[in-house]
Protein backbone atom coordinates (compact mmCIF):
# COMPACT_ATOMS: atom_id res chain seq x y z
CA MET A 1 -59.07 -28.40 35.82
CA ILE A 2 -57.56 -25.49 37.68
CA ARG A 3 -59.75 -22.39 37.82
CA LEU A 4 -58.04 -19.06 38.36
CA VAL A 5 -59.68 -15.97 39.74
CA PRO A 6 -59.38 -12.99 37.33
CA TRP A 7 -56.42 -11.31 39.03
CA ARG A 8 -54.50 -14.59 39.20
CA ARG A 9 -55.25 -15.29 35.53
CA THR A 10 -54.01 -11.81 34.68
CA ALA A 11 -50.91 -12.36 36.77
CA VAL A 12 -50.15 -15.66 35.00
CA ILE A 13 -50.62 -14.07 31.57
CA LEU A 14 -48.49 -11.09 32.54
CA GLY A 15 -45.83 -13.31 34.05
CA GLY A 16 -45.79 -15.53 30.97
CA THR A 17 -45.53 -12.51 28.73
CA ILE A 18 -42.62 -11.15 30.75
CA VAL A 19 -40.83 -14.50 30.52
CA VAL A 20 -41.32 -14.58 26.74
CA VAL A 21 -40.11 -10.99 26.42
CA VAL A 22 -37.05 -11.70 28.57
CA ILE A 23 -36.20 -14.82 26.58
CA ALA A 24 -36.61 -12.89 23.31
CA ALA A 25 -34.52 -10.03 24.61
CA VAL A 26 -31.75 -12.34 25.77
CA ALA A 27 -31.75 -14.12 22.42
CA LEU A 28 -31.72 -10.82 20.58
CA SER A 29 -28.96 -9.43 22.79
CA ARG A 30 -26.87 -12.51 22.04
CA HIS A 31 -27.30 -11.81 18.33
CA VAL A 32 -26.33 -8.17 18.78
CA GLY A 33 -23.31 -9.23 20.83
CA ASP A 34 -22.22 -11.92 18.37
CA PRO A 35 -19.30 -10.70 16.18
CA ALA A 36 -20.21 -13.06 13.33
CA TYR A 37 -23.82 -11.79 13.28
CA LEU A 38 -22.65 -8.16 13.32
CA GLU A 39 -20.14 -8.81 10.54
CA ARG A 40 -22.88 -10.25 8.32
CA ARG A 41 -25.30 -7.44 9.14
CA LEU A 42 -22.78 -4.67 8.55
CA SER A 43 -21.53 -6.29 5.35
CA ARG A 44 -25.09 -6.26 3.98
CA GLU A 45 -25.51 -2.60 4.93
CA ILE A 46 -22.18 -1.49 3.40
CA GLY A 47 -22.60 -3.53 0.21
CA THR A 48 -20.27 -5.56 -1.96
CA GLY A 49 -16.57 -4.82 -2.26
CA TYR A 50 -15.78 -4.48 1.45
CA THR A 51 -15.03 -6.94 4.23
CA VAL A 52 -16.05 -6.31 7.85
CA HIS A 53 -14.18 -7.95 10.73
CA ILE A 54 -14.89 -7.66 14.48
CA GLU A 55 -12.59 -9.31 17.01
CA SER A 56 -15.04 -9.23 19.91
CA SER A 57 -18.35 -7.62 20.88
CA HIS A 58 -20.78 -7.64 23.79
CA TYR A 59 -24.24 -6.23 24.53
CA ASP A 60 -25.43 -5.77 28.13
CA LEU A 61 -29.22 -5.99 28.16
CA LEU A 62 -29.68 -4.49 31.64
CA GLN A 63 -27.22 -1.64 31.22
CA ARG A 64 -28.15 -1.07 27.56
CA THR A 65 -24.49 -0.82 26.60
CA PHE A 66 -22.63 -2.19 23.61
CA SER A 67 -18.89 -2.62 23.17
CA ALA A 68 -16.66 -3.99 20.44
CA THR A 69 -12.94 -4.25 19.77
CA GLY A 70 -10.85 -4.66 16.67
CA VAL A 71 -13.41 -3.36 14.16
CA THR A 72 -12.12 -3.08 10.58
CA VAL A 73 -13.77 -2.33 7.25
CA ILE A 74 -11.37 -3.01 4.40
CA PRO A 75 -11.84 -3.06 0.62
CA ASP A 76 -11.65 -6.24 -1.38
CA THR A 77 -8.47 -5.18 -3.19
CA LEU A 78 -8.80 -7.73 -5.99
CA GLU A 79 -12.29 -6.58 -6.85
CA HIS A 80 -11.37 -2.92 -6.62
CA THR A 81 -8.22 -2.98 -8.73
CA THR A 82 -8.93 -5.39 -11.57
CA GLY A 83 -11.17 -5.29 -14.62
CA ARG A 84 -14.34 -3.22 -14.79
CA ALA A 85 -14.76 -3.28 -11.00
CA ARG A 86 -11.90 -0.83 -10.44
CA ARG A 87 -12.90 1.99 -8.14
CA ARG A 88 -11.47 5.47 -8.12
CA THR A 89 -11.55 5.75 -4.34
CA LEU A 90 -10.46 3.10 -1.85
CA SER A 91 -11.21 3.53 1.86
CA TRP A 92 -10.02 1.58 4.87
CA VAL A 93 -11.40 2.08 8.39
CA ALA A 94 -10.28 0.55 11.69
CA VAL A 95 -11.32 1.22 15.29
CA ASP A 96 -9.47 -0.17 18.29
CA ALA A 97 -12.54 -0.04 20.55
CA VAL A 98 -16.15 1.17 20.38
CA HIS A 99 -18.41 1.72 23.38
CA ALA A 100 -22.04 2.85 23.24
CA ASP A 101 -24.42 3.77 26.09
CA GLY A 102 -28.19 3.93 25.96
CA VAL A 103 -28.61 1.54 23.05
CA ASN A 104 -32.31 0.81 22.52
CA LEU A 105 -32.31 -2.84 21.48
CA TRP A 106 -35.93 -2.99 20.32
CA ASP A 107 -35.57 0.13 18.19
CA LEU A 108 -32.39 -1.30 16.69
CA GLN A 109 -34.17 -4.51 15.73
CA ARG A 110 -36.77 -2.43 13.86
CA GLY A 111 -34.05 -0.57 12.01
CA VAL A 112 -34.36 2.55 14.20
CA VAL A 113 -31.07 3.94 15.52
CA ASN A 114 -31.50 5.37 19.02
CA VAL A 115 -28.24 5.72 20.97
CA ASP A 116 -27.30 8.12 23.77
CA ASP A 117 -23.51 8.14 23.54
CA VAL A 118 -20.84 6.54 21.33
CA ARG A 119 -17.10 6.60 21.96
CA ALA A 120 -14.64 5.39 19.29
CA GLU A 121 -11.03 5.00 20.41
CA GLY A 122 -8.12 4.65 18.03
CA LEU A 123 -10.05 5.45 14.86
CA LYS A 124 -7.91 5.06 11.74
CA ILE A 125 -9.09 6.09 8.28
CA ARG A 126 -7.11 5.71 5.05
CA VAL A 127 -8.45 7.07 1.77
CA LEU A 128 -6.77 6.76 -1.64
CA LEU A 129 -8.11 8.67 -4.63
CA ASP A 130 -6.63 7.56 -7.97
CA ARG A 131 -7.34 10.18 -10.63
CA ARG A 132 -5.98 7.87 -13.33
CA ILE A 133 -9.26 5.95 -13.03
CA PRO A 134 -12.23 7.80 -14.56
CA SER A 135 -15.01 8.69 -12.15
CA ARG A 136 -18.21 6.71 -12.55
CA TYR A 137 -20.16 9.56 -10.95
CA GLN A 138 -18.95 12.49 -13.03
CA GLY A 139 -21.83 14.92 -13.43
CA LEU A 140 -24.17 12.90 -11.22
CA ARG A 141 -25.79 14.59 -8.24
CA ARG A 142 -24.27 13.56 -4.91
CA LEU A 143 -26.52 13.03 -1.90
CA LEU A 144 -25.45 15.13 1.09
CA PRO A 145 -25.71 13.90 4.73
CA HIS A 146 -28.75 16.03 5.61
CA GLU A 147 -30.53 14.87 2.45
CA ALA A 148 -29.89 11.23 3.32
CA LEU A 149 -31.30 11.76 6.82
CA ASN A 150 -34.35 13.66 5.57
CA SER A 151 -35.16 10.99 2.99
CA SER A 152 -34.89 8.10 5.45
CA ASP A 153 -38.13 6.55 6.70
CA LYS A 154 -36.33 5.41 9.87
CA SER A 155 -35.62 7.52 12.91
CA VAL A 156 -31.96 8.22 13.68
CA ARG A 157 -30.71 9.73 16.95
CA PHE A 158 -27.20 9.92 18.36
CA GLY A 159 -26.90 12.03 21.49
CA THR A 160 -23.12 12.34 21.34
CA ILE A 161 -20.40 10.74 19.24
CA ARG A 162 -16.81 11.05 20.40
CA VAL A 163 -13.64 10.13 18.51
CA VAL A 164 -10.51 9.75 20.61
CA ARG A 165 -6.91 9.32 19.40
CA GLY A 166 -7.81 9.16 15.72
CA ASP A 167 -5.49 9.25 12.73
CA ILE A 168 -6.73 10.12 9.22
CA ARG A 169 -4.62 9.99 6.07
CA TYR A 170 -5.80 11.09 2.64
CA SER A 171 -3.72 10.14 -0.40
CA GLU A 172 -4.24 11.28 -3.97
CA HIS A 173 -2.65 9.80 -7.08
CA GLY A 174 -2.46 12.40 -9.83
CA ILE A 175 -2.91 11.63 -13.51
CA LEU A 176 0.76 12.41 -14.20
CA SER A 177 2.15 11.04 -10.92
CA SER A 178 3.84 7.72 -10.27
CA ARG A 179 3.21 7.93 -6.51
CA PRO A 180 0.38 9.40 -4.44
CA GLY A 181 0.79 12.46 -2.28
CA THR A 182 -0.49 12.18 1.29
CA ILE A 183 -1.85 14.60 3.86
CA ARG A 184 -2.25 13.48 7.47
CA PHE A 185 -4.64 14.61 10.19
CA ALA A 186 -2.82 13.34 13.27
CA ASP A 187 -4.02 13.26 16.90
CA PHE A 188 -7.61 13.50 15.66
CA TYR A 189 -10.29 14.20 18.28
CA ALA A 190 -13.92 14.98 17.46
CA THR A 191 -17.25 15.44 19.24
CA VAL A 192 -20.56 15.33 17.37
CA THR A 193 -23.80 16.33 19.13
CA ASN A 194 -27.44 16.31 18.06
CA LEU A 195 -27.08 14.01 15.09
CA ARG A 196 -30.72 13.11 14.55
CA ASN A 197 -33.69 13.37 12.21
CA ASP A 198 -36.57 13.03 14.70
CA ASN A 199 -36.28 16.36 16.54
CA ARG A 200 -33.95 18.83 14.91
CA ALA A 201 -34.67 22.15 16.56
CA GLN A 202 -30.93 22.58 17.17
CA PRO A 203 -28.20 22.16 14.54
CA CYS A 204 -25.78 19.28 14.60
CA VAL A 205 -22.51 20.56 16.07
CA ILE A 206 -19.16 19.01 15.14
CA ASP A 207 -16.04 20.03 17.06
CA VAL A 208 -12.70 18.82 15.71
CA ARG A 209 -9.16 19.08 17.06
CA THR A 210 -6.25 17.68 15.07
CA ARG A 211 -2.72 18.34 13.84
CA PHE A 212 -2.93 19.29 10.19
CA ALA A 213 -0.14 17.63 8.21
CA ASN A 214 1.02 16.31 11.59
CA SER A 215 2.17 19.85 12.39
CA GLY A 216 -0.22 22.78 12.89
CA LEU A 217 -2.76 22.45 15.72
CA LEU A 218 -6.14 22.89 14.02
CA ASN A 219 -9.48 23.51 15.72
CA ALA A 220 -12.70 23.51 13.74
CA THR A 221 -16.38 23.92 14.63
CA PHE A 222 -19.19 23.09 12.21
CA LYS A 223 -22.86 23.93 12.82
CA TYR A 224 -24.88 21.89 10.34
CA ASP A 225 -28.64 22.36 9.99
CA LEU A 226 -29.85 18.84 9.26
CA SER A 227 -33.49 19.93 8.95
CA SER A 228 -32.86 22.31 6.05
CA ASP A 229 -33.88 21.25 2.54
CA SER A 230 -30.80 22.96 1.06
CA LEU A 231 -27.24 22.93 2.38
CA LYS A 232 -27.06 25.24 5.41
CA MET A 233 -23.92 25.22 7.52
CA ASP A 234 -21.58 27.61 9.35
CA TYR A 235 -18.02 26.72 10.22
CA ARG A 236 -14.92 28.28 11.71
CA LEU A 237 -11.35 27.07 11.46
CA ALA A 238 -8.38 28.22 13.52
CA MET A 239 -4.85 26.83 13.17
CA LYS A 240 -1.73 27.78 15.07
CA GLU A 241 1.82 28.10 13.74
CA MET A 242 2.93 25.41 11.30
CA ASP A 243 6.11 24.54 9.43
CA ALA A 244 5.17 24.88 5.74
CA THR A 245 7.55 22.05 4.76
CA ALA A 246 5.11 19.65 6.46
CA LEU A 247 3.03 19.91 3.26
CA ASN A 248 5.77 18.28 1.16
CA PRO A 249 4.47 14.69 1.55
CA LEU A 250 1.40 15.89 -0.37
CA LEU A 251 2.91 18.41 -2.80
CA VAL A 252 6.09 16.68 -4.01
CA ASP A 253 4.49 13.57 -5.49
CA LEU A 254 1.11 15.09 -6.38
CA LYS A 255 2.13 18.48 -7.79
CA GLY A 256 5.90 18.33 -8.30
CA ILE A 257 6.46 21.23 -5.87
CA ARG A 258 8.78 21.15 -2.86
CA ILE A 259 8.67 23.80 -0.16
CA GLU A 260 12.22 24.57 0.93
CA ARG A 261 11.30 26.78 3.85
CA GLY A 262 8.50 28.88 5.25
CA THR A 263 6.29 29.30 8.29
CA ILE A 264 2.53 29.56 8.41
CA ASP A 265 1.94 31.89 11.37
CA SER A 266 -1.76 31.00 11.66
CA LEU A 267 -4.88 30.25 9.66
CA SER A 268 -8.45 31.34 10.35
CA ALA A 269 -11.60 30.89 8.30
CA ASP A 270 -15.15 32.06 8.96
CA ILE A 271 -17.58 30.61 6.40
CA SER A 272 -21.37 30.51 6.05
CA VAL A 273 -23.07 28.21 3.55
CA ARG A 274 -26.59 28.96 2.36
CA ASN A 275 -28.33 27.19 -0.52
CA GLY A 276 -25.05 25.55 -1.48
CA VAL A 277 -23.07 28.83 -1.69
CA ALA A 278 -20.13 29.37 0.67
CA VAL A 279 -19.38 32.99 1.63
CA GLY A 280 -16.77 34.14 4.11
CA SER A 281 -13.17 35.15 4.73
CA ILE A 282 -9.78 33.44 4.95
CA ARG A 283 -6.89 34.94 6.93
CA LEU A 284 -3.47 33.33 6.37
CA PRO A 285 -0.40 35.20 7.64
CA TYR A 286 2.91 33.52 6.77
CA HIS A 287 6.53 34.43 6.12
CA GLY A 288 9.71 33.23 4.43
CA LEU A 289 8.03 31.02 1.81
CA LYS A 290 10.47 29.50 -0.68
CA PHE A 291 9.79 26.57 -2.98
CA GLU A 292 11.08 24.81 -6.08
CA VAL A 293 9.53 22.91 -8.98
CA LEU A 294 10.88 19.40 -9.60
CA ASP A 295 10.15 16.17 -11.42
CA ARG A 296 7.41 14.39 -9.48
CA ASP A 297 8.80 10.96 -10.40
CA SER A 298 12.55 11.27 -9.88
CA HIS A 299 12.41 14.36 -7.62
CA ASP A 300 15.33 15.74 -9.66
CA ARG A 301 15.46 19.20 -11.26
CA ASP A 302 16.48 19.98 -14.83
CA LEU A 303 16.73 23.30 -16.62
CA LYS A 304 13.01 23.35 -17.39
CA ASP A 305 12.16 22.85 -13.70
CA LYS A 306 14.49 25.66 -12.71
CA LEU A 307 12.89 27.96 -15.27
CA LYS A 308 9.42 27.06 -13.96
CA THR A 309 10.59 27.81 -10.42
CA PHE A 310 11.88 31.24 -11.50
CA MET A 311 8.67 32.14 -13.36
CA PHE A 312 6.38 30.78 -10.66
CA SER A 313 8.26 32.59 -7.88
CA ARG A 314 7.67 35.93 -9.58
CA SER A 315 3.91 35.65 -9.05
CA VAL A 316 3.90 34.08 -5.58
CA GLU A 317 4.09 36.26 -2.48
CA ASP A 318 6.77 35.01 -0.09
CA SER A 319 5.12 36.64 2.95
CA ASN A 320 1.79 37.92 4.20
CA PRO A 321 1.85 40.67 5.20
CA ASP A 322 4.58 42.50 3.33
CA GLU A 323 6.66 44.95 5.30
CA ASP A 324 4.59 47.79 6.81
CA GLU A 325 1.41 46.33 5.31
CA PRO A 326 -1.65 44.81 7.02
CA VAL A 327 -2.39 41.11 6.69
CA ARG A 328 -4.22 40.32 3.45
CA VAL A 329 -7.66 38.84 4.18
CA ILE A 330 -9.32 37.05 1.27
CA ASN A 331 -13.08 37.10 0.81
CA VAL A 332 -14.38 33.95 -0.83
CA ARG A 333 -17.62 33.06 -2.56
CA LEU A 334 -17.94 29.57 -4.00
CA ARG A 335 -20.91 27.57 -5.23
CA ARG A 336 -20.92 23.82 -4.63
CA GLY A 337 -21.12 21.63 -7.72
CA PRO A 338 -23.87 18.97 -7.69
CA SER A 339 -21.34 16.09 -7.71
CA VAL A 340 -19.06 17.58 -5.01
CA SER A 341 -19.11 15.93 -1.58
CA LEU A 342 -19.49 18.00 1.58
CA ILE A 343 -15.91 17.41 2.78
CA LYS A 344 -14.52 18.29 -0.64
CA PHE A 345 -16.60 21.47 -0.74
CA VAL A 346 -15.14 22.61 2.60
CA TRP A 347 -11.64 21.82 1.28
CA GLN A 348 -12.28 23.70 -2.00
CA THR A 349 -13.49 26.80 -0.15
CA VAL A 350 -10.49 26.99 2.19
CA ARG A 351 -8.11 26.07 -0.63
CA GLU A 352 -9.37 28.94 -2.80
CA GLY A 353 -8.68 31.44 -0.04
CA THR A 354 -5.19 30.11 0.69
CA LEU A 355 -4.13 30.00 -2.98
CA ARG A 356 -5.36 33.53 -3.61
CA THR A 357 -3.48 34.67 -0.49
CA VAL A 358 -0.15 33.48 -1.91
CA GLY A 359 -0.95 34.91 -5.36
CA ILE A 360 -2.11 31.81 -7.24
CA ASP A 361 -5.26 31.74 -9.35
CA PRO A 362 -7.24 28.64 -8.21
CA ALA A 363 -8.93 28.32 -11.62
CA GLN A 364 -5.55 27.88 -13.36
CA ASN A 365 -4.04 25.58 -10.74
CA SER A 366 -6.74 22.97 -10.12
């Protein structure tokens, strides 16, 4: 029998413990770096109806870095488009490459997200909303991002999230349309800082740069208080000159309106949201706006379409400002509906200001 003096016994126990920990960490890191394991784990988190695919992935235990390529999350089209399982909204997400630094493996195993920096390159998002399918959530209260974080019993911390060379396309199929209209956010870059629910003294800041409708250079900054019980957010938008005809891929098929010419000189918005109420101003100078109403299926124009164009044109301002007049600035005040998502609420607020600028009543042109 070998007798060990106390310090040697302690050393053996400590050494054995280290070996066990290293073996466990290596085994765990292999799981985290295994694409098949990640696909199964992510599929469980996302739920039924979507398929996750990862071409390759790797976790470096010593450097605490994670990388993956060819990540896609696609809907099960058969399940989403047939029978009672039809969904009103279909989403498709793909990322060319993801790299994360400062990934705490042990926290991750316990369900705690603790990551220093994430970089997503080549992010592609496609969303199709089909209004011919009734919403299953009409009238139901929608959980907002800050509410989801506050209600979670797990700690979440992302130091920085960066999106590089993204491309986002939103399509909407109207009730009376045969084809969806599409709006594109091209050359999409974003930086998100302080996304966390463990120490939220500072707001989460989201900076976005993109080309709206693949035309106007748009910069946006959102300051989102994730610690607030109610919705509390400030945001500013600024867009440079844009060809108004770039909106036709959305308007022609969705609304039966084609812009023939026009230039948006700029767009600026300064909005504060408190307790779910957005208050602020929209400034939209433009000139030379001319449009026509047409059949959204055939894209032809009959006498009724020409009459609609004439009547509609009488109420729409073709320029802002008019000659020898200052630029019209629209003050907006809009309360968020309980079932309205955060992104849609931002869109509704800016949309109200732009429609009122051109002389259209948002309530009559939903």
